[in-house]
Amino acid sequence: MASKTEMQGVVVSDRMQKSVVVAVKRRVSHGVYGKIQKRTTKLMAHNENDDAKLGDLVSIAETKPMSRRKAWSVTRVIERAPKV
């Protein structure tokens, strides 16, 4: 069995119950010109205990689909957002 994919990202929305939207940034090379580009992917993740809040750096892991858009789960909060 293949291992589950893990990614790190920043929580950009926590307005839903038991769900968050996580922005994952990555760097890719352009196919023709080779220039490095930044790409952002927004993924919905399951947040069972509502411990991840807006601005937190979190680790998410791939899971079985829980809904039409949600197939990731928050495994841990790496760094809390600074209090303002």
PDB file of N, CA and C in Angstrom:
ATOM      1  N   MET A   1       0.836  -1.176   0.000  1.00  0.00           N
ATOM      2  CA  MET A   1       0.000   0.000   0.000  1.00  0.00           C
ATOM      3  C   MET A   1       0.880   1.237   0.000  1.00  0.00           C
ATOM      4  N   ALA A   2       0.538   2.204  -0.802  1.00  0.00           N
ATOM      5  CA  ALA A   2       1.343   3.421  -0.925  1.00  0.00           C
ATOM      6  C   ALA A   2       1.148   4.303   0.298  1.00  0.00           C
ATOM      7  N   SER A   3       2.209   5.053   0.637  1.00  0.00           N
ATOM      8  CA  SER A   3       2.106   5.948   1.786  1.00  0.00           C
ATOM      9  C   SER A   3       1.281   7.177   1.414  1.00  0.00           C
ATOM     10  N   LYS A   4       0.657   7.776   2.413  1.00  0.00           N
ATOM     11  CA  LYS A   4      -0.194   8.931   2.192  1.00  0.00           C
ATOM     12  C   LYS A   4       0.661  10.170   1.954  1.00  0.00           C
ATOM     13  N   THR A   5       0.208  11.020   1.055  1.00  0.00           N
ATOM     14  CA  THR A   5       0.904  12.250   0.755  1.00  0.00           C
ATOM     15  C   THR A   5       0.713  13.231   1.899  1.00  0.00           C
ATOM     16  N   GLU A   6       1.795  13.901   2.311  1.00  0.00           N
ATOM     17  CA  GLU A   6       1.720  14.931   3.344  1.00  0.00           C
ATOM     18  C   GLU A   6       2.229  16.235   2.770  1.00  0.00           C
ATOM     19  N   MET A   7       1.544  17.334   3.121  1.00  0.00           N
ATOM     20  CA  MET A   7       1.935  18.662   2.659  1.00  0.00           C
ATOM     21  C   MET A   7       1.817  19.650   3.807  1.00  0.00           C
ATOM     22  N   GLN A   8       2.489  20.783   3.650  1.00  0.00           N
ATOM     23  CA  GLN A   8       2.381  21.863   4.619  1.00  0.00           C
ATOM     24  C   GLN A   8       1.790  23.074   3.948  1.00  0.00           C
ATOM     25  N   GLY A   9       0.972  23.811   4.678  1.00  0.00           N
ATOM     26  CA  GLY A   9       0.366  24.999   4.114  1.00  0.00           C
ATOM     27  C   GLY A   9      -0.175  25.907   5.201  1.00  0.00           C
ATOM     28  N   VAL A  10      -0.702  27.047   4.779  1.00  0.00           N
ATOM     29  CA  VAL A  10      -1.237  28.052   5.688  1.00  0.00           C
ATOM     30  C   VAL A  10      -2.754  28.046   5.586  1.00  0.00           C
ATOM     31  N   VAL A  11      -3.427  28.108   6.733  1.00  0.00           N
ATOM     32  CA  VAL A  11      -4.891  28.140   6.765  1.00  0.00           C
ATOM     33  C   VAL A  11      -5.338  29.517   6.291  1.00  0.00           C
ATOM     34  N   VAL A  12      -6.163  29.554   5.232  1.00  0.00           N
ATOM     35  CA  VAL A  12      -6.654  30.822   4.694  1.00  0.00           C
ATOM     36  C   VAL A  12      -8.129  31.038   4.996  1.00  0.00           C
ATOM     37  N   SER A  13      -8.833  30.000   5.465  1.00  0.00           N
ATOM     38  CA  SER A  13     -10.224  30.149   5.852  1.00  0.00           C
ATOM     39  C   SER A  13     -10.567  29.102   6.891  1.00  0.00           C
ATOM     40  N   ASP A  14     -11.241  29.546   7.965  1.00  0.00           N
ATOM     41  CA  ASP A  14     -11.684  28.605   8.997  1.00  0.00           C
ATOM     42  C   ASP A  14     -13.134  28.865   9.384  1.00  0.00           C
ATOM     43  N   ARG A  15     -13.936  29.355   8.453  1.00  0.00           N
ATOM     44  CA  ARG A  15     -15.318  29.737   8.732  1.00  0.00           C
ATOM     45  C   ARG A  15     -16.273  28.553   8.775  1.00  0.00           C
ATOM     46  N   MET A  16     -15.838  27.390   8.326  1.00  0.00           N
ATOM     47  CA  MET A  16     -16.708  26.223   8.310  1.00  0.00           C
ATOM     48  C   MET A  16     -16.548  25.404   9.587  1.00  0.00           C
ATOM     49  N   GLN A  17     -17.537  24.592   9.896  1.00  0.00           N
ATOM     50  CA  GLN A  17     -17.435  23.706  11.040  1.00  0.00           C
ATOM     51  C   GLN A  17     -16.650  22.469  10.630  1.00  0.00           C
ATOM     52  N   LYS A  18     -15.623  22.165  11.378  1.00  0.00           N
ATOM     53  CA  LYS A  18     -14.780  20.985  11.179  1.00  0.00           C
ATOM     54  C   LYS A  18     -14.068  20.953   9.829  1.00  0.00           C
ATOM     55  N   SER A  19     -13.900  22.099   9.183  1.00  0.00           N
ATOM     56  CA  SER A  19     -13.180  22.162   7.906  1.00  0.00           C
ATOM     57  C   SER A  19     -12.377  23.447   7.836  1.00  0.00           C
ATOM     58  N   VAL A  20     -11.254  23.396   7.126  1.00  0.00           N
ATOM     59  CA  VAL A  20     -10.443  24.583   6.866  1.00  0.00           C
ATOM     60  C   VAL A  20      -9.982  24.535   5.409  1.00  0.00           C
ATOM     61  N   VAL A  21      -9.640  25.698   4.878  1.00  0.00           N
ATOM     62  CA  VAL A  21      -9.047  25.779   3.552  1.00  0.00           C
ATOM     63  C   VAL A  21      -7.571  26.082   3.751  1.00  0.00           C
ATOM     64  N   VAL A  22      -6.707  25.263   3.157  1.00  0.00           N
ATOM     65  CA  VAL A  22      -5.264  25.381   3.322  1.00  0.00           C
ATOM     66  C   VAL A  22      -4.640  25.734   1.976  1.00  0.00           C
ATOM     67  N   ALA A  23      -3.810  26.790   1.959  1.00  0.00           N
ATOM     68  CA  ALA A  23      -3.093  27.194   0.751  1.00  0.00           C
ATOM     69  C   ALA A  23      -1.706  26.561   0.782  1.00  0.00           C
ATOM     70  N   VAL A  24      -1.421  25.717  -0.199  1.00  0.00           N
ATOM     71  CA  VAL A  24      -0.129  25.039  -0.308  1.00  0.00           C
ATOM     72  C   VAL A  24       0.652  25.698  -1.440  1.00  0.00           C
ATOM     73  N   LYS A  25       1.838  26.210  -1.117  1.00  0.00           N
ATOM     74  CA  LYS A  25       2.678  26.861  -2.125  1.00  0.00           C
ATOM     75  C   LYS A  25       3.753  25.895  -2.589  1.00  0.00           C
ATOM     76  N   ARG A  26       4.050  25.936  -3.897  1.00  0.00           N
ATOM     77  CA  ARG A  26       5.095  25.088  -4.457  1.00  0.00           C
ATOM     78  C   ARG A  26       5.800  25.845  -5.568  1.00  0.00           C
ATOM     79  N   ARG A  27       6.985  25.387  -5.903  1.00  0.00           N
ATOM     80  CA  ARG A  27       7.767  26.012  -6.976  1.00  0.00           C
ATOM     81  C   ARG A  27       7.923  25.012  -8.105  1.00  0.00           C
ATOM     82  N   VAL A  28       7.579  25.448  -9.314  1.00  0.00           N
ATOM     83  CA  VAL A  28       7.688  24.578 -10.481  1.00  0.00           C
ATOM     84  C   VAL A  28       8.499  25.289 -11.558  1.00  0.00           C
ATOM     85  N   SER A  29       9.085  24.500 -12.416  1.00  0.00           N
ATOM     86  CA  SER A  29       9.860  25.032 -13.528  1.00  0.00           C
ATOM     87  C   SER A  29       8.965  25.137 -14.753  1.00  0.00           C
ATOM     88  N   HIS A  30       9.073  26.219 -15.482  1.00  0.00           N
ATOM     89  CA  HIS A  30       8.299  26.415 -16.702  1.00  0.00           C
ATOM     90  C   HIS A  30       8.738  25.367 -17.724  1.00  0.00           C
ATOM     91  N   GLY A  31       7.789  24.805 -18.458  1.00  0.00           N
ATOM     92  CA  GLY A  31       8.088  23.713 -19.376  1.00  0.00           C
ATOM     93  C   GLY A  31       9.029  24.071 -20.500  1.00  0.00           C
ATOM     94  N   VAL A  32       8.904  25.291 -21.049  1.00  0.00           N
ATOM     95  CA  VAL A  32       9.723  25.679 -22.192  1.00  0.00           C
ATOM     96  C   VAL A  32      10.923  26.511 -21.761  1.00  0.00           C
ATOM     97  N   TYR A  33      10.680  27.525 -20.935  1.00  0.00           N
ATOM     98  CA  TYR A  33      11.733  28.486 -20.610  1.00  0.00           C
ATOM     99  C   TYR A  33      12.549  28.140 -19.381  1.00  0.00           C
ATOM    100  N   GLY A  34      12.059  27.251 -18.543  1.00  0.00           N
ATOM    101  CA  GLY A  34      12.834  26.799 -17.398  1.00  0.00           C
ATOM    102  C   GLY A  34      12.824  27.742 -16.206  1.00  0.00           C
ATOM    103  N   LYS A  35      12.134  28.862 -16.291  1.00  0.00           N
ATOM    104  CA  LYS A  35      12.094  29.808 -15.178  1.00  0.00           C
ATOM    105  C   LYS A  35      11.278  29.209 -14.028  1.00  0.00           C
ATOM    106  N   ILE A  36      11.729  29.440 -12.803  1.00  0.00           N
ATOM    107  CA  ILE A  36      11.025  28.945 -11.626  1.00  0.00           C
ATOM    108  C   ILE A  36       9.817  29.835 -11.359  1.00  0.00           C
ATOM    109  N   GLN A  37       8.648  29.198 -11.180  1.00  0.00           N
ATOM    110  CA  GLN A  37       7.416  29.929 -10.911  1.00  0.00           C
ATOM    111  C   GLN A  37       6.815  29.444  -9.595  1.00  0.00           C
ATOM    112  N   LYS A  38       6.093  30.334  -8.907  1.00  0.00           N
ATOM    113  CA  LYS A  38       5.397  29.970  -7.685  1.00  0.00           C
ATOM    114  C   LYS A  38       3.949  29.648  -8.026  1.00  0.00           C
ATOM    115  N   ARG A  39       3.461  28.533  -7.498  1.00  0.00           N
ATOM    116  CA  ARG A  39       2.077  28.132  -7.710  1.00  0.00           C
ATOM    117  C   ARG A  39       1.434  27.897  -6.344  1.00  0.00           C
ATOM    118  N   THR A  40       0.175  28.264  -6.219  1.00  0.00           N
ATOM    119  CA  THR A  40      -0.570  28.055  -4.981  1.00  0.00           C
ATOM    120  C   THR A  40      -1.789  27.193  -5.271  1.00  0.00           C
ATOM    121  N   THR A  41      -1.987  26.187  -4.434  1.00  0.00           N
ATOM    122  CA  THR A  41      -3.150  25.312  -4.540  1.00  0.00           C
ATOM    123  C   THR A  41      -3.930  25.404  -3.237  1.00  0.00           C
ATOM    124  N   LYS A  42      -5.240  25.642  -3.344  1.00  0.00           N
ATOM    125  CA  LYS A  42      -6.067  25.701  -2.149  1.00  0.00           C
ATOM    126  C   LYS A  42      -6.808  24.375  -1.997  1.00  0.00           C
ATOM    127  N   LEU A  43      -6.632  23.738  -0.834  1.00  0.00           N
ATOM    128  CA  LEU A  43      -7.230  22.442  -0.562  1.00  0.00           C
ATOM    129  C   LEU A  43      -8.116  22.533   0.674  1.00  0.00           C
ATOM    130  N   MET A  44      -9.260  21.865   0.637  1.00  0.00           N
ATOM    131  CA  MET A  44     -10.105  21.774   1.825  1.00  0.00           C
ATOM    132  C   MET A  44      -9.629  20.599   2.661  1.00  0.00           C
ATOM    133  N   ALA A  45      -9.538  20.815   3.973  1.00  0.00           N
ATOM    134  CA  ALA A  45      -9.056  19.769   4.872  1.00  0.00           C
ATOM    135  C   ALA A  45      -9.994  19.625   6.067  1.00  0.00           C
ATOM    136  N   HIS A  46     -10.121  18.399   6.537  1.00  0.00           N
ATOM    137  CA  HIS A  46     -10.963  18.105   7.693  1.00  0.00           C
ATOM    138  C   HIS A  46     -10.215  18.503   8.960  1.00  0.00           C
ATOM    139  N   ASN A  47     -10.886  19.255   9.840  1.00  0.00           N
ATOM    140  CA  ASN A  47     -10.294  19.764  11.073  1.00  0.00           C
ATOM    141  C   ASN A  47     -11.216  19.340  12.216  1.00  0.00           C
ATOM    142  N   GLU A  48     -11.053  18.120  12.681  1.00  0.00           N
ATOM    143  CA  GLU A  48     -11.998  17.503  13.614  1.00  0.00           C
ATOM    144  C   GLU A  48     -12.223  18.315  14.886  1.00  0.00           C
ATOM    145  N   ASN A  49     -11.169  18.759  15.549  1.00  0.00           N
ATOM    146  CA  ASN A  49     -11.310  19.442  16.840  1.00  0.00           C
ATOM    147  C   ASN A  49     -11.297  20.960  16.724  1.00  0.00           C
ATOM    148  N   ASP A  50     -11.329  21.497  15.535  1.00  0.00           N
ATOM    149  CA  ASP A  50     -11.267  22.945  15.299  1.00  0.00           C
ATOM    150  C   ASP A  50     -10.063  23.586  15.976  1.00  0.00           C
ATOM    151  N   ASP A  51      -8.907  22.902  15.945  1.00  0.00           N
ATOM    152  CA  ASP A  51      -7.711  23.453  16.569  1.00  0.00           C
ATOM    153  C   ASP A  51      -6.893  24.321  15.621  1.00  0.00           C
ATOM    154  N   ALA A  52      -7.086  24.208  14.322  1.00  0.00           N
ATOM    155  CA  ALA A  52      -6.369  25.042  13.352  1.00  0.00           C
ATOM    156  C   ALA A  52      -7.180  26.305  13.089  1.00  0.00           C
ATOM    157  N   LYS A  53      -6.526  27.449  13.238  1.00  0.00           N
ATOM    158  CA  LYS A  53      -7.197  28.729  13.053  1.00  0.00           C
ATOM    159  C   LYS A  53      -6.555  29.484  11.887  1.00  0.00           C
ATOM    160  N   LEU A  54      -7.151  30.603  11.529  1.00  0.00           N
ATOM    161  CA  LEU A  54      -6.701  31.419  10.399  1.00  0.00           C
ATOM    162  C   LEU A  54      -5.248  31.850  10.588  1.00  0.00           C
ATOM    163  N   GLY A  55      -4.412  31.603   9.573  1.00  0.00           N
ATOM    164  CA  GLY A  55      -3.009  32.008   9.600  1.00  0.00           C
ATOM    165  C   GLY A  55      -2.055  30.974  10.145  1.00  0.00           C
ATOM    166  N   ASP A  56      -2.550  29.857  10.689  1.00  0.00           N
ATOM    167  CA  ASP A  56      -1.685  28.816  11.237  1.00  0.00           C
ATOM    168  C   ASP A  56      -1.001  28.029  10.130  1.00  0.00           C
ATOM    169  N   LEU A  57       0.226  27.602  10.385  1.00  0.00           N
ATOM    170  CA  LEU A  57       0.946  26.699   9.487  1.00  0.00           C
ATOM    171  C   LEU A  57       0.601  25.277   9.925  1.00  0.00           C
ATOM    172  N   VAL A  58       0.022  24.491   9.021  1.00  0.00           N
ATOM    173  CA  VAL A  58      -0.445  23.149   9.372  1.00  0.00           C
ATOM    174  C   VAL A  58       0.127  22.106   8.426  1.00  0.00           C
ATOM    175  N   SER A  59       0.089  20.874   8.876  1.00  0.00           N
ATOM    176  CA  SER A  59       0.465  19.737   8.054  1.00  0.00           C
ATOM    177  C   SER A  59      -0.820  18.978   7.738  1.00  0.00           C
ATOM    178  N   ILE A  60      -1.020  18.644   6.461  1.00  0.00           N
ATOM    179  CA  ILE A  60      -2.224  17.920   6.055  1.00  0.00           C
ATOM    180  C   ILE A  60      -1.819  16.616   5.371  1.00  0.00           C
ATOM    181  N   ALA A  61      -2.665  15.616   5.523  1.00  0.00           N
ATOM    182  CA  ALA A  61      -2.409  14.303   4.924  1.00  0.00           C
ATOM    183  C   ALA A  61      -3.599  13.897   4.076  1.00  0.00           C
ATOM    184  N   GLU A  62      -3.316  13.154   3.038  1.00  0.00           N
ATOM    185  CA  GLU A  62      -4.349  12.679   2.128  1.00  0.00           C
ATOM    186  C   GLU A  62      -5.186  11.599   2.815  1.00  0.00           C
ATOM    187  N   THR A  63      -6.508  11.670   2.639  1.00  0.00           N
ATOM    188  CA  THR A  63      -7.417  10.674   3.203  1.00  0.00           C
ATOM    189  C   THR A  63      -8.416  10.253   2.138  1.00  0.00           C
ATOM    190  N   LYS A  64      -9.298   9.352   2.513  1.00  0.00           N
ATOM    191  CA  LYS A  64     -10.365   8.988   1.578  1.00  0.00           C
ATOM    192  C   LYS A  64     -11.313  10.179   1.447  1.00  0.00           C
ATOM    193  N   PRO A  65     -11.986  10.344   0.324  1.00  0.00           N
ATOM    194  CA  PRO A  65     -12.870  11.493   0.143  1.00  0.00           C
ATOM    195  C   PRO A  65     -13.981  11.527   1.193  1.00  0.00           C
ATOM    196  N   MET A  66     -14.137  12.703   1.821  1.00  0.00           N
ATOM    197  CA  MET A  66     -15.182  12.893   2.830  1.00  0.00           C
ATOM    198  C   MET A  66     -16.370  13.637   2.252  1.00  0.00           C
ATOM    199  N   SER A  67     -16.141  14.377   1.183  1.00  0.00           N
ATOM    200  CA  SER A  67     -17.206  15.081   0.488  1.00  0.00           C
ATOM    201  C   SER A  67     -16.711  15.333  -0.938  1.00  0.00           C
ATOM    202  N   ARG A  68     -17.439  16.160  -1.673  1.00  0.00           N
ATOM    203  CA  ARG A  68     -17.077  16.402  -3.069  1.00  0.00           C
ATOM    204  C   ARG A  68     -15.709  17.068  -3.203  1.00  0.00           C
ATOM    205  N   ARG A  69     -15.380  17.997  -2.296  1.00  0.00           N
ATOM    206  CA  ARG A  69     -14.122  18.740  -2.395  1.00  0.00           C
ATOM    207  C   ARG A  69     -13.106  18.396  -1.319  1.00  0.00           C
ATOM    208  N   LYS A  70     -13.495  17.650  -0.297  1.00  0.00           N
ATOM    209  CA  LYS A  70     -12.632  17.443   0.870  1.00  0.00           C
ATOM    210  C   LYS A  70     -12.074  16.028   0.900  1.00  0.00           C
ATOM    211  N   ALA A  71     -10.755  15.905   0.676  1.00  0.00           N
ATOM    212  CA  ALA A  71     -10.087  14.605   0.724  1.00  0.00           C
ATOM    213  C   ALA A  71      -8.749  14.709   1.457  1.00  0.00           C
ATOM    214  N   TRP A  72      -8.625  15.696   2.347  1.00  0.00           N
ATOM    215  CA  TRP A  72      -7.418  15.912   3.141  1.00  0.00           C
ATOM    216  C   TRP A  72      -7.821  16.085   4.596  1.00  0.00           C
ATOM    217  N   SER A  73      -6.884  15.855   5.507  1.00  0.00           N
ATOM    218  CA  SER A  73      -7.155  15.991   6.932  1.00  0.00           C
ATOM    219  C   SER A  73      -5.970  16.682   7.601  1.00  0.00           C
ATOM    220  N   VAL A  74      -6.253  17.571   8.540  1.00  0.00           N
ATOM    221  CA  VAL A  74      -5.194  18.254   9.291  1.00  0.00           C
ATOM    222  C   VAL A  74      -4.606  17.258  10.279  1.00  0.00           C
ATOM    223  N   THR A  75      -3.293  17.025  10.193  1.00  0.00           N
ATOM    224  CA  THR A  75      -2.646  16.086  11.109  1.00  0.00           C
ATOM    225  C   THR A  75      -2.083  16.799  12.328  1.00  0.00           C
ATOM    226  N   ARG A  76      -1.513  17.992  12.130  1.00  0.00           N
ATOM    227  CA  ARG A  76      -0.977  18.743  13.276  1.00  0.00           C
ATOM    228  C   ARG A  76      -0.805  20.202  12.905  1.00  0.00           C
ATOM    229  N   VAL A  77      -0.801  21.037  13.939  1.00  0.00           N
ATOM    230  CA  VAL A  77      -0.527  22.460  13.770  1.00  0.00           C
ATOM    231  C   VAL A  77       0.958  22.659  14.041  1.00  0.00           C
ATOM    232  N   ILE A  78       1.701  23.106  13.039  1.00  0.00           N
ATOM    233  CA  ILE A  78       3.147  23.269  13.168  1.00  0.00           C
ATOM    234  C   ILE A  78       3.486  24.575  13.873  1.00  0.00           C
ATOM    235  N   GLU A  79       2.823  25.653  13.468  1.00  0.00           N
ATOM    236  CA  GLU A  79       3.118  26.971  14.034  1.00  0.00           C
ATOM    237  C   GLU A  79       1.833  27.780  14.103  1.00  0.00           C
ATOM    238  N   ARG A  80       1.594  28.380  15.261  1.00  0.00           N
ATOM    239  CA  ARG A  80       0.406  29.202  15.448  1.00  0.00           C
ATOM    240  C   ARG A  80       0.603  30.573  14.834  1.00  0.00           C
ATOM    241  N   ALA A  81      -0.494  31.190  14.380  1.00  0.00           N
ATOM    242  CA  ALA A  81      -0.448  32.549  13.842  1.00  0.00           C
ATOM    243  C   ALA A  81      -0.185  33.513  14.991  1.00  0.00           C
ATOM    244  N   PRO A  82       0.558  34.598  14.738  1.00  0.00           N
ATOM    245  CA  PRO A  82       0.822  35.568  15.812  1.00  0.00           C
ATOM    246  C   PRO A  82      -0.466  36.273  16.214  1.00  0.00           C
ATOM    247  N   LYS A  83      -0.603  36.524  17.515  1.00  0.00           N
ATOM    248  CA  LYS A  83      -1.762  37.249  18.039  1.00  0.00           C
ATOM    249  C   LYS A  83      -1.607  38.725  17.731  1.00  0.00           C
ATOM    250  N   VAL A  84      -2.683  39.343  17.253  1.00  0.00           N
ATOM    251  CA  VAL A  84      -2.626  40.773  16.918  1.00  0.00           C
ATOM    252  C   VAL A  84      -3.499  41.550  17.864  1.00  0.00           C
TER     253      VAL A  84
END
